[in-house]
Amino acid sequence: QVQLVESGGGLVQAGGSLRLSCAASGRISTYTMAWFRQTPGKEREVVASIPWSGGTFYTDSVKGRFTVSRDNVKNTVYLQMNSLQPEDTAVYFCAARSGYYTTNSKLYAYWGQGTQVTVSS
């Protein structure tokens, strides 16, 4: 079992930056970690992922602006978000699964409670 707790969300102006953190209660070194986001009436979508096997994945809309990283000693995953835009406004969730990377949110076994990110224009 892994419990995930996100932090770092908030209100920021367009063009600003935020850094989200996801602290895990257990070891994450063998998990694929991902950040999803969700807005009202829409399905949860993957934003970025950093698999246990290496590499990173980003959805096209955040490439060049967001950076995902992990610290397996601190059991923490980060999402550095730069050049934020109003369309980035959403609840951001941290998720973990023991398999390989997938965009299918249903295949992630562990989820945090979410943190709100609001970008004003």
Protein backbone atom coordinates (compact mmCIF):
# COMPACT_ATOMS: atom_id res chain seq x y z
CA GLN A 1 0.00 0.00 0.00
CA VAL A 2 1.16 3.49 -0.85
CA GLN A 3 -0.47 6.66 0.42
CA LEU A 4 0.10 9.82 -1.57
CA VAL A 5 -0.23 13.40 -0.38
CA GLU A 6 0.03 16.32 -2.78
CA SER A 7 0.97 19.85 -1.87
CA GLY A 8 2.03 23.07 -3.55
CA GLY A 9 -1.11 24.07 -5.39
CA GLY A 10 -2.51 27.57 -5.29
CA LEU A 11 -3.44 30.69 -7.22
CA VAL A 12 -0.94 32.16 -9.65
CA GLN A 13 -1.05 34.67 -12.47
CA ALA A 14 -0.56 33.63 -16.05
CA GLY A 15 3.12 33.22 -16.80
CA GLY A 16 3.92 32.29 -13.24
CA SER A 17 5.25 29.07 -11.74
CA LEU A 18 4.28 26.50 -9.15
CA ARG A 19 5.96 23.38 -7.86
CA LEU A 20 3.78 20.49 -6.82
CA SER A 21 5.05 17.80 -4.49
CA CYS A 22 3.71 14.32 -3.91
CA ALA A 23 4.94 12.63 -0.75
CA ALA A 24 4.51 8.88 -0.52
CA SER A 25 4.18 6.87 2.66
CA GLY A 26 6.21 4.00 1.26
CA ARG A 27 8.99 3.30 -1.16
CA ILE A 28 8.22 4.45 -4.70
CA SER A 29 11.35 3.21 -6.45
CA THR A 30 9.45 0.37 -8.18
CA TYR A 31 6.41 2.44 -9.11
CA THR A 32 5.54 4.43 -12.17
CA MET A 33 4.51 7.83 -10.85
CA ALA A 34 2.25 10.21 -12.73
CA TRP A 35 0.53 13.53 -12.44
CA PHE A 36 -3.04 13.83 -13.70
CA ARG A 37 -5.36 16.80 -13.78
CA GLN A 38 -9.09 17.17 -13.92
CA THR A 39 -11.53 19.99 -14.55
CA PRO A 40 -15.29 19.85 -13.90
CA GLY A 41 -17.14 17.76 -16.45
CA LYS A 42 -14.00 16.33 -17.98
CA GLU A 43 -12.14 13.10 -17.55
CA ARG A 44 -8.91 12.95 -15.65
CA GLU A 45 -5.99 13.36 -18.06
CA VAL A 46 -2.36 12.50 -17.63
CA VAL A 47 -0.03 15.50 -17.53
CA ALA A 48 3.34 13.91 -16.91
CA SER A 49 4.82 10.65 -15.82
CA ILE A 50 8.14 9.32 -14.61
CA PRO A 51 8.27 5.53 -14.70
CA TRP A 52 10.38 3.41 -12.39
CA SER A 53 12.21 2.19 -15.49
CA GLY A 54 13.43 5.65 -16.46
CA GLY A 55 12.50 8.41 -18.85
CA THR A 56 9.68 10.90 -18.67
CA PHE A 57 6.44 11.46 -20.55
CA TYR A 58 4.45 14.65 -21.04
CA THR A 59 1.19 15.50 -22.65
CA ASP A 60 1.75 17.78 -25.64
CA SER A 61 0.20 20.86 -24.06
CA VAL A 62 2.78 21.00 -21.25
CA LYS A 63 5.94 20.00 -23.08
CA GLY A 64 8.67 22.56 -22.54
CA ARG A 65 6.81 24.11 -19.60
CA PHE A 66 6.43 21.32 -17.03
CA THR A 67 9.12 19.06 -15.60
CA VAL A 68 8.47 15.91 -13.61
CA SER A 69 11.11 14.48 -11.30
CA ARG A 70 11.38 11.98 -8.49
CA ASP A 71 13.49 11.48 -5.39
CA ASN A 72 13.42 7.81 -4.48
CA VAL A 73 15.26 8.47 -1.23
CA LYS A 74 12.66 10.98 -0.04
CA ASN A 75 9.87 9.00 -1.74
CA THR A 76 8.65 12.19 -3.32
CA VAL A 77 7.64 13.19 -6.83
CA TYR A 78 7.64 16.74 -8.09
CA LEU A 79 5.99 18.64 -10.89
CA GLN A 80 7.63 21.95 -11.72
CA MET A 81 5.17 24.04 -13.69
CA ASN A 82 6.43 27.12 -15.51
CA SER A 83 4.75 29.57 -17.89
CA LEU A 84 1.38 28.63 -16.46
CA GLN A 85 -1.69 29.48 -18.49
CA PRO A 86 -5.37 29.75 -17.51
CA GLU A 87 -6.04 26.48 -19.33
CA ASP A 88 -3.75 24.75 -16.82
CA THR A 89 -6.33 25.45 -14.12
CA ALA A 90 -7.42 22.11 -12.65
CA VAL A 91 -7.19 19.82 -9.69
CA TYR A 92 -3.88 18.01 -9.95
CA PHE A 93 -3.55 14.45 -8.71
CA CYS A 94 -0.54 12.30 -8.03
CA ALA A 95 -0.87 8.63 -8.91
CA ALA A 96 1.20 5.46 -8.73
CA ARG A 97 1.15 2.05 -10.32
CA SER A 98 3.51 -0.87 -10.20
CA GLY A 99 3.54 -1.44 -13.95
CA TYR A 100 4.78 0.51 -16.92
CA TYR A 101 3.61 3.92 -18.01
CA THR A 102 0.07 4.25 -19.28
CA THR A 103 -2.29 7.16 -19.87
CA ASN A 104 -5.21 5.11 -18.58
CA SER A 105 -6.09 6.51 -15.19
CA LYS A 106 -8.03 3.35 -14.31
CA LEU A 107 -4.78 1.39 -14.23
CA TYR A 108 -3.25 3.46 -11.44
CA ALA A 109 -3.86 1.83 -8.08
CA TYR A 110 -2.91 4.66 -5.76
CA TRP A 111 -4.07 8.27 -5.74
CA GLY A 112 -3.60 11.38 -3.70
CA GLN A 113 -6.45 13.65 -2.68
CA GLY A 114 -5.59 16.30 -5.26
CA THR A 115 -4.43 19.89 -5.07
CA GLN A 116 -6.08 22.84 -6.78
CA VAL A 117 -4.11 24.91 -9.25
CA THR A 118 -5.75 28.11 -10.44
CA VAL A 119 -4.15 30.35 -13.04
CA SER A 120 -5.63 33.80 -13.48
CA SER A 121 -5.38 35.73 -16.74
